[in-house]
Amino acid sequence: MQAAVSNGIYDIVGDCGGSASCATCHVYVDNTFKDKVPTPSERETGMLSCAAAEVRPNSRLCCQIFMTSDLDGIVVDIPDKQW
């Protein structure tokens, strides 16, 4: 989330600053990378239930995706709304 926001991806709001407490950084992880990101925590899953857009099996809060070399080139789609 921080990398996106710092690089002008303004559709990812990240209102809470990355503490998994607002769901305004909801993204859809491309299926190629879905199994490479860690399983969402209970807190993240709970926050996703508050997301403004449709929650899908590949939904994640991007503030909870910590970049590793396995995620080099990750592709995410941004939902049509974050609010």
PDB file of N, CA and C in Angstrom:
ATOM      1  N   MET A   1       0.830  -1.178   0.000  1.00  0.00           N
ATOM      2  CA  MET A   1       0.000   0.000   0.000  1.00  0.00           C
ATOM      3  C   MET A   1       0.872   1.237   0.000  1.00  0.00           C
ATOM      4  N   GLN A   2       1.868   1.258   0.837  1.00  0.00           N
ATOM      5  CA  GLN A   2       2.726   2.432   0.933  1.00  0.00           C
ATOM      6  C   GLN A   2       3.438   2.702  -0.385  1.00  0.00           C
ATOM      7  N   ALA A   3       3.902   1.656  -1.040  1.00  0.00           N
ATOM      8  CA  ALA A   3       4.577   1.837  -2.326  1.00  0.00           C
ATOM      9  C   ALA A   3       3.618   2.431  -3.355  1.00  0.00           C
ATOM     10  N   ALA A   4       2.390   1.961  -3.370  1.00  0.00           N
ATOM     11  CA  ALA A   4       1.402   2.474  -4.327  1.00  0.00           C
ATOM     12  C   ALA A   4       1.093   3.939  -4.045  1.00  0.00           C
ATOM     13  N   VAL A   5       0.784   4.249  -2.815  1.00  0.00           N
ATOM     14  CA  VAL A   5       0.432   5.620  -2.440  1.00  0.00           C
ATOM     15  C   VAL A   5       1.612   6.561  -2.691  1.00  0.00           C
ATOM     16  N   SER A   6       2.811   6.124  -2.365  1.00  0.00           N
ATOM     17  CA  SER A   6       4.004   6.955  -2.556  1.00  0.00           C
ATOM     18  C   SER A   6       4.324   7.195  -4.026  1.00  0.00           C
ATOM     19  N   ASN A   7       3.771   6.362  -4.889  1.00  0.00           N
ATOM     20  CA  ASN A   7       4.043   6.488  -6.317  1.00  0.00           C
ATOM     21  C   ASN A   7       2.829   6.949  -7.114  1.00  0.00           C
ATOM     22  N   GLY A   8       1.923   7.644  -6.441  1.00  0.00           N
ATOM     23  CA  GLY A   8       0.829   8.304  -7.137  1.00  0.00           C
ATOM     24  C   GLY A   8      -0.338   7.433  -7.539  1.00  0.00           C
ATOM     25  N   ILE A   9      -0.494   6.271  -6.915  1.00  0.00           N
ATOM     26  CA  ILE A   9      -1.673   5.439  -7.178  1.00  0.00           C
ATOM     27  C   ILE A   9      -2.763   5.930  -6.222  1.00  0.00           C
ATOM     28  N   TYR A  10      -3.474   6.962  -6.646  1.00  0.00           N
ATOM     29  CA  TYR A  10      -4.409   7.636  -5.753  1.00  0.00           C
ATOM     30  C   TYR A  10      -5.722   6.888  -5.561  1.00  0.00           C
ATOM     31  N   ASP A  11      -5.977   5.845  -6.351  1.00  0.00           N
ATOM     32  CA  ASP A  11      -7.195   5.056  -6.149  1.00  0.00           C
ATOM     33  C   ASP A  11      -7.092   4.164  -4.924  1.00  0.00           C
ATOM     34  N   ILE A  12      -5.883   3.959  -4.423  1.00  0.00           N
ATOM     35  CA  ILE A  12      -5.688   3.252  -3.162  1.00  0.00           C
ATOM     36  C   ILE A  12      -5.569   4.337  -2.104  1.00  0.00           C
ATOM     37  N   VAL A  13      -6.570   4.426  -1.260  1.00  0.00           N
ATOM     38  CA  VAL A  13      -6.642   5.528  -0.309  1.00  0.00           C
ATOM     39  C   VAL A  13      -5.735   5.285   0.899  1.00  0.00           C
ATOM     40  N   GLY A  14      -5.849   4.129   1.525  1.00  0.00           N
ATOM     41  CA  GLY A  14      -5.031   3.835   2.703  1.00  0.00           C
ATOM     42  C   GLY A  14      -5.275   4.813   3.830  1.00  0.00           C
ATOM     43  N   ASP A  15      -6.526   5.094   4.084  1.00  0.00           N
ATOM     44  CA  ASP A  15      -6.921   6.120   5.050  1.00  0.00           C
ATOM     45  C   ASP A  15      -6.354   5.903   6.451  1.00  0.00           C
ATOM     46  N   CYS A  16      -6.204   4.651   6.868  1.00  0.00           N
ATOM     47  CA  CYS A  16      -5.734   4.381   8.238  1.00  0.00           C
ATOM     48  C   CYS A  16      -4.207   4.318   8.317  1.00  0.00           C
ATOM     49  N   GLY A  17      -3.538   4.469   7.192  1.00  0.00           N
ATOM     50  CA  GLY A  17      -2.077   4.466   7.201  1.00  0.00           C
ATOM     51  C   GLY A  17      -1.457   3.086   7.253  1.00  0.00           C
ATOM     52  N   GLY A  18      -2.240   2.062   7.040  1.00  0.00           N
ATOM     53  CA  GLY A  18      -1.691   0.715   6.980  1.00  0.00           C
ATOM     54  C   GLY A  18      -1.925  -0.147   8.201  1.00  0.00           C
ATOM     55  N   SER A  19      -2.859   0.233   9.054  1.00  0.00           N
ATOM     56  CA  SER A  19      -3.094  -0.544  10.273  1.00  0.00           C
ATOM     57  C   SER A  19      -4.260  -1.528  10.155  1.00  0.00           C
ATOM     58  N   ALA A  20      -4.718  -1.784   8.958  1.00  0.00           N
ATOM     59  CA  ALA A  20      -5.814  -2.737   8.708  1.00  0.00           C
ATOM     60  C   ALA A  20      -7.074  -2.376   9.481  1.00  0.00           C
ATOM     61  N   SER A  21      -7.407  -1.079   9.458  1.00  0.00           N
ATOM     62  CA  SER A  21      -8.605  -0.683  10.195  1.00  0.00           C
ATOM     63  C   SER A  21      -9.550   0.204   9.386  1.00  0.00           C
ATOM     64  N   CYS A  22      -9.448   0.146   8.041  1.00  0.00           N
ATOM     65  CA  CYS A  22     -10.382   0.985   7.272  1.00  0.00           C
ATOM     66  C   CYS A  22     -10.853   0.355   5.958  1.00  0.00           C
ATOM     67  N   ALA A  23     -10.153  -0.579   5.396  1.00  0.00           N
ATOM     68  CA  ALA A  23     -10.509  -1.266   4.138  1.00  0.00           C
ATOM     69  C   ALA A  23     -10.485  -0.358   2.919  1.00  0.00           C
ATOM     70  N   THR A  24      -9.788   0.783   2.983  1.00  0.00           N
ATOM     71  CA  THR A  24      -9.701   1.672   1.816  1.00  0.00           C
ATOM     72  C   THR A  24      -8.475   1.387   0.949  1.00  0.00           C
ATOM     73  N   CYS A  25      -7.850   0.251   1.172  1.00  0.00           N
ATOM     74  CA  CYS A  25      -6.745  -0.179   0.307  1.00  0.00           C
ATOM     75  C   CYS A  25      -7.044  -1.566  -0.262  1.00  0.00           C
ATOM     76  N   HIS A  26      -8.314  -1.863  -0.377  1.00  0.00           N
ATOM     77  CA  HIS A  26      -8.797  -3.138  -0.897  1.00  0.00           C
ATOM     78  C   HIS A  26      -8.321  -3.312  -2.338  1.00  0.00           C
ATOM     79  N   VAL A  27      -7.746  -4.459  -2.629  1.00  0.00           N
ATOM     80  CA  VAL A  27      -7.327  -4.796  -3.992  1.00  0.00           C
ATOM     81  C   VAL A  27      -7.682  -6.241  -4.286  1.00  0.00           C
ATOM     82  N   TYR A  28      -7.648  -6.565  -5.575  1.00  0.00           N
ATOM     83  CA  TYR A  28      -7.817  -7.938  -6.026  1.00  0.00           C
ATOM     84  C   TYR A  28      -6.451  -8.418  -6.521  1.00  0.00           C
ATOM     85  N   VAL A  29      -5.904  -9.416  -5.861  1.00  0.00           N
ATOM     86  CA  VAL A  29      -4.604  -9.959  -6.231  1.00  0.00           C
ATOM     87  C   VAL A  29      -4.775 -10.868  -7.442  1.00  0.00           C
ATOM     88  N   ASP A  30      -3.954 -10.635  -8.463  1.00  0.00           N
ATOM     89  CA  ASP A  30      -3.984 -11.474  -9.657  1.00  0.00           C
ATOM     90  C   ASP A  30      -3.781 -12.928  -9.261  1.00  0.00           C
ATOM     91  N   ASN A  31      -4.523 -13.825  -9.909  1.00  0.00           N
ATOM     92  CA  ASN A  31      -4.461 -15.246  -9.557  1.00  0.00           C
ATOM     93  C   ASN A  31      -3.057 -15.832  -9.642  1.00  0.00           C
ATOM     94  N   THR A  32      -2.202 -15.265 -10.476  1.00  0.00           N
ATOM     95  CA  THR A  32      -0.815 -15.722 -10.568  1.00  0.00           C
ATOM     96  C   THR A  32      -0.085 -15.562  -9.232  1.00  0.00           C
ATOM     97  N   PHE A  33      -0.479 -14.555  -8.450  1.00  0.00           N
ATOM     98  CA  PHE A  33       0.201 -14.255  -7.191  1.00  0.00           C
ATOM     99  C   PHE A  33      -0.613 -14.612  -5.960  1.00  0.00           C
ATOM    100  N   LYS A  34      -1.856 -15.029  -6.161  1.00  0.00           N
ATOM    101  CA  LYS A  34      -2.758 -15.278  -5.033  1.00  0.00           C
ATOM    102  C   LYS A  34      -2.165 -16.237  -4.001  1.00  0.00           C
ATOM    103  N   ASP A  35      -1.519 -17.299  -4.449  1.00  0.00           N
ATOM    104  CA  ASP A  35      -0.950 -18.276  -3.522  1.00  0.00           C
ATOM    105  C   ASP A  35       0.417 -17.870  -2.989  1.00  0.00           C
ATOM    106  N   LYS A  36       0.945 -16.747  -3.456  1.00  0.00           N
ATOM    107  CA  LYS A  36       2.251 -16.288  -2.997  1.00  0.00           C
ATOM    108  C   LYS A  36       2.147 -15.282  -1.864  1.00  0.00           C
ATOM    109  N   VAL A  37       0.961 -14.724  -1.664  1.00  0.00           N
ATOM    110  CA  VAL A  37       0.778 -13.801  -0.539  1.00  0.00           C
ATOM    111  C   VAL A  37       0.312 -14.611   0.665  1.00  0.00           C
ATOM    112  N   PRO A  38       0.749 -14.224   1.853  1.00  0.00           N
ATOM    113  CA  PRO A  38       0.315 -14.964   3.047  1.00  0.00           C
ATOM    114  C   PRO A  38      -1.203 -14.918   3.217  1.00  0.00           C
ATOM    115  N   THR A  39      -1.732 -15.895   3.885  1.00  0.00           N
ATOM    116  CA  THR A  39      -3.160 -15.951   4.197  1.00  0.00           C
ATOM    117  C   THR A  39      -3.539 -14.719   5.013  1.00  0.00           C
ATOM    118  N   PRO A  40      -4.688 -14.102   4.723  1.00  0.00           N
ATOM    119  CA  PRO A  40      -5.096 -12.928   5.502  1.00  0.00           C
ATOM    120  C   PRO A  40      -5.346 -13.287   6.971  1.00  0.00           C
ATOM    121  N   SER A  41      -5.004 -12.357   7.828  1.00  0.00           N
ATOM    122  CA  SER A  41      -5.261 -12.543   9.258  1.00  0.00           C
ATOM    123  C   SER A  41      -6.759 -12.407   9.525  1.00  0.00           C
ATOM    124  N   GLU A  42      -7.151 -12.776  10.722  1.00  0.00           N
ATOM    125  CA  GLU A  42      -8.542 -12.634  11.133  1.00  0.00           C
ATOM    126  C   GLU A  42      -8.973 -11.166  11.084  1.00  0.00           C
ATOM    127  N   ARG A  43      -8.079 -10.296  11.513  1.00  0.00           N
ATOM    128  CA  ARG A  43      -8.373  -8.851  11.495  1.00  0.00           C
ATOM    129  C   ARG A  43      -8.601  -8.368  10.062  1.00  0.00           C
ATOM    130  N   GLU A  44      -7.722  -8.782   9.152  1.00  0.00           N
ATOM    131  CA  GLU A  44      -7.869  -8.375   7.755  1.00  0.00           C
ATOM    132  C   GLU A  44      -9.176  -8.901   7.170  1.00  0.00           C
ATOM    133  N   THR A  45      -9.483 -10.146   7.418  1.00  0.00           N
ATOM    134  CA  THR A  45     -10.727 -10.730   6.924  1.00  0.00           C
ATOM    135  C   THR A  45     -11.930  -9.965   7.456  1.00  0.00           C
ATOM    136  N   GLY A  46     -11.890  -9.593   8.721  1.00  0.00           N
ATOM    137  CA  GLY A  46     -12.970  -8.805   9.309  1.00  0.00           C
ATOM    138  C   GLY A  46     -13.119  -7.450   8.649  1.00  0.00           C
ATOM    139  N   MET A  47     -12.001  -6.798   8.369  1.00  0.00           N
ATOM    140  CA  MET A  47     -12.054  -5.489   7.717  1.00  0.00           C
ATOM    141  C   MET A  47     -12.535  -5.605   6.281  1.00  0.00           C
ATOM    142  N   LEU A  48     -12.164  -6.674   5.604  1.00  0.00           N
ATOM    143  CA  LEU A  48     -12.632  -6.852   4.231  1.00  0.00           C
ATOM    144  C   LEU A  48     -14.154  -6.941   4.167  1.00  0.00           C
ATOM    145  N   SER A  49     -14.772  -7.423   5.235  1.00  0.00           N
ATOM    146  CA  SER A  49     -16.235  -7.486   5.244  1.00  0.00           C
ATOM    147  C   SER A  49     -16.852  -6.091   5.226  1.00  0.00           C
ATOM    148  N   CYS A  50     -16.056  -5.067   5.491  1.00  0.00           N
ATOM    149  CA  CYS A  50     -16.522  -3.674   5.469  1.00  0.00           C
ATOM    150  C   CYS A  50     -16.153  -2.965   4.162  1.00  0.00           C
ATOM    151  N   ALA A  51     -15.522  -3.669   3.248  1.00  0.00           N
ATOM    152  CA  ALA A  51     -15.075  -3.043   1.998  1.00  0.00           C
ATOM    153  C   ALA A  51     -16.264  -2.519   1.204  1.00  0.00           C
ATOM    154  N   ALA A  52     -16.045  -1.419   0.506  1.00  0.00           N
ATOM    155  CA  ALA A  52     -17.108  -0.789  -0.277  1.00  0.00           C
ATOM    156  C   ALA A  52     -17.427  -1.557  -1.554  1.00  0.00           C
ATOM    157  N   ALA A  53     -16.438  -2.250  -2.094  1.00  0.00           N
ATOM    158  CA  ALA A  53     -16.631  -3.005  -3.342  1.00  0.00           C
ATOM    159  C   ALA A  53     -16.816  -4.487  -3.021  1.00  0.00           C
ATOM    160  N   GLU A  54     -17.207  -5.226  -4.036  1.00  0.00           N
ATOM    161  CA  GLU A  54     -17.406  -6.669  -3.891  1.00  0.00           C
ATOM    162  C   GLU A  54     -16.145  -7.338  -3.354  1.00  0.00           C
ATOM    163  N   VAL A  55     -16.311  -8.187  -2.350  1.00  0.00           N
ATOM    164  CA  VAL A  55     -15.194  -8.963  -1.814  1.00  0.00           C
ATOM    165  C   VAL A  55     -15.171 -10.298  -2.550  1.00  0.00           C
ATOM    166  N   ARG A  56     -14.007 -10.610  -3.089  1.00  0.00           N
ATOM    167  CA  ARG A  56     -13.814 -11.833  -3.871  1.00  0.00           C
ATOM    168  C   ARG A  56     -12.800 -12.727  -3.170  1.00  0.00           C
ATOM    169  N   PRO A  57     -12.651 -13.964  -3.614  1.00  0.00           N
ATOM    170  CA  PRO A  57     -11.658 -14.852  -2.989  1.00  0.00           C
ATOM    171  C   PRO A  57     -10.228 -14.309  -3.049  1.00  0.00           C
ATOM    172  N   ASN A  58      -9.937 -13.451  -4.019  1.00  0.00           N
ATOM    173  CA  ASN A  58      -8.596 -12.884  -4.141  1.00  0.00           C
ATOM    174  C   ASN A  58      -8.504 -11.467  -3.576  1.00  0.00           C
ATOM    175  N   SER A  59      -9.495 -11.055  -2.788  1.00  0.00           N
ATOM    176  CA  SER A  59      -9.469  -9.743  -2.147  1.00  0.00           C
ATOM    177  C   SER A  59      -8.442  -9.707  -1.029  1.00  0.00           C
ATOM    178  N   ARG A  60      -7.756  -8.591  -0.952  1.00  0.00           N
ATOM    179  CA  ARG A  60      -6.800  -8.362   0.143  1.00  0.00           C
ATOM    180  C   ARG A  60      -6.775  -6.874   0.459  1.00  0.00           C
ATOM    181  N   LEU A  61      -6.371  -6.559   1.677  1.00  0.00           N
ATOM    182  CA  LEU A  61      -6.016  -5.187   2.014  1.00  0.00           C
ATOM    183  C   LEU A  61      -4.541  -5.071   1.662  1.00  0.00           C
ATOM    184  N   CYS A  62      -4.217  -4.198   0.728  1.00  0.00           N
ATOM    185  CA  CYS A  62      -2.823  -4.181   0.268  1.00  0.00           C
ATOM    186  C   CYS A  62      -1.869  -3.678   1.343  1.00  0.00           C
ATOM    187  N   CYS A  63      -2.370  -3.037   2.393  1.00  0.00           N
ATOM    188  CA  CYS A  63      -1.484  -2.630   3.482  1.00  0.00           C
ATOM    189  C   CYS A  63      -0.952  -3.836   4.253  1.00  0.00           C
ATOM    190  N   GLN A  64      -1.589  -4.981   4.066  1.00  0.00           N
ATOM    191  CA  GLN A  64      -1.173  -6.185   4.776  1.00  0.00           C
ATOM    192  C   GLN A  64      -0.328  -7.121   3.914  1.00  0.00           C
ATOM    193  N   ILE A  65      -0.035  -6.701   2.695  1.00  0.00           N
ATOM    194  CA  ILE A  65       0.837  -7.483   1.816  1.00  0.00           C
ATOM    195  C   ILE A  65       2.236  -6.903   1.921  1.00  0.00           C
ATOM    196  N   PHE A  66       3.128  -7.643   2.515  1.00  0.00           N
ATOM    197  CA  PHE A  66       4.501  -7.187   2.682  1.00  0.00           C
ATOM    198  C   PHE A  66       5.339  -7.777   1.563  1.00  0.00           C
ATOM    199  N   MET A  67       6.005  -6.904   0.866  1.00  0.00           N
ATOM    200  CA  MET A  67       6.742  -7.306  -0.323  1.00  0.00           C
ATOM    201  C   MET A  67       7.923  -8.214   0.018  1.00  0.00           C
ATOM    202  N   THR A  68       8.048  -9.270  -0.766  1.00  0.00           N
ATOM    203  CA  THR A  68       9.179 -10.190  -0.702  1.00  0.00           C
ATOM    204  C   THR A  68       9.617 -10.445  -2.140  1.00  0.00           C
ATOM    205  N   SER A  69      10.733 -11.109  -2.306  1.00  0.00           N
ATOM    206  CA  SER A  69      11.194 -11.409  -3.666  1.00  0.00           C
ATOM    207  C   SER A  69      10.203 -12.311  -4.402  1.00  0.00           C
ATOM    208  N   ASP A  70       9.441 -13.126  -3.686  1.00  0.00           N
ATOM    209  CA  ASP A  70       8.418 -13.970  -4.322  1.00  0.00           C
ATOM    210  C   ASP A  70       7.318 -13.143  -4.982  1.00  0.00           C
ATOM    211  N   LEU A  71       7.146 -11.911  -4.523  1.00  0.00           N
ATOM    212  CA  LEU A  71       6.086 -11.058  -5.046  1.00  0.00           C
ATOM    213  C   LEU A  71       6.586 -10.065  -6.092  1.00  0.00           C
ATOM    214  N   ASP A  72       7.822 -10.219  -6.515  1.00  0.00           N
ATOM    215  CA  ASP A  72       8.367  -9.338  -7.547  1.00  0.00           C
ATOM    216  C   ASP A  72       7.478  -9.414  -8.785  1.00  0.00           C
ATOM    217  N   GLY A  73       6.967  -8.278  -9.220  1.00  0.00           N
ATOM    218  CA  GLY A  73       6.090  -8.231 -10.380  1.00  0.00           C
ATOM    219  C   GLY A  73       4.621  -8.430 -10.070  1.00  0.00           C
ATOM    220  N   ILE A  74       4.254  -8.424  -8.791  1.00  0.00           N
ATOM    221  CA  ILE A  74       2.862  -8.660  -8.404  1.00  0.00           C
ATOM    222  C   ILE A  74       1.914  -7.725  -9.156  1.00  0.00           C
ATOM    223  N   VAL A  75       0.771  -8.262  -9.496  1.00  0.00           N
ATOM    224  CA  VAL A  75      -0.268  -7.504 -10.191  1.00  0.00           C
ATOM    225  C   VAL A  75      -1.512  -7.515  -9.311  1.00  0.00           C
ATOM    226  N   VAL A  76      -2.048  -6.335  -9.066  1.00  0.00           N
ATOM    227  CA  VAL A  76      -3.316  -6.216  -8.334  1.00  0.00           C
ATOM    228  C   VAL A  76      -4.233  -5.301  -9.123  1.00  0.00           C
ATOM    229  N   ASP A  77      -5.518  -5.553  -9.021  1.00  0.00           N
ATOM    230  CA  ASP A  77      -6.524  -4.683  -9.604  1.00  0.00           C
ATOM    231  C   ASP A  77      -7.201  -3.918  -8.480  1.00  0.00           C
ATOM    232  N   ILE A  78      -7.503  -2.670  -8.758  1.00  0.00           N
ATOM    233  CA  ILE A  78      -8.147  -1.823  -7.768  1.00  0.00           C
ATOM    234  C   ILE A  78      -9.655  -1.837  -8.024  1.00  0.00           C
ATOM    235  N   PRO A  79     -10.458  -2.101  -6.989  1.00  0.00           N
ATOM    236  CA  PRO A  79     -11.916  -2.087  -7.175  1.00  0.00           C
ATOM    237  C   PRO A  79     -12.399  -0.734  -7.659  1.00  0.00           C
ATOM    238  N   ASP A  80     -13.606  -0.688  -8.152  1.00  0.00           N
ATOM    239  CA  ASP A  80     -14.149   0.552  -8.676  1.00  0.00           C
ATOM    240  C   ASP A  80     -14.435   1.592  -7.589  1.00  0.00           C
ATOM    241  N   LYS A  81     -14.464   1.174  -6.338  1.00  0.00           N
ATOM    242  CA  LYS A  81     -14.672   2.129  -5.246  1.00  0.00           C
ATOM    243  C   LYS A  81     -13.978   1.638  -3.985  1.00  0.00           C
ATOM    244  N   GLN A  82     -13.534   2.577  -3.168  1.00  0.00           N
ATOM    245  CA  GLN A  82     -12.905   2.280  -1.882  1.00  0.00           C
ATOM    246  C   GLN A  82     -13.735   2.807  -0.723  1.00  0.00           C
ATOM    247  N   TRP A  83     -14.715   3.620  -1.008  1.00  0.00           N
ATOM    248  CA  TRP A  83     -15.544   4.238   0.037  1.00  0.00           C
ATOM    249  C   TRP A  83     -16.930   3.659   0.011  1.00  0.00           C
TER     250      TRP A  83
END
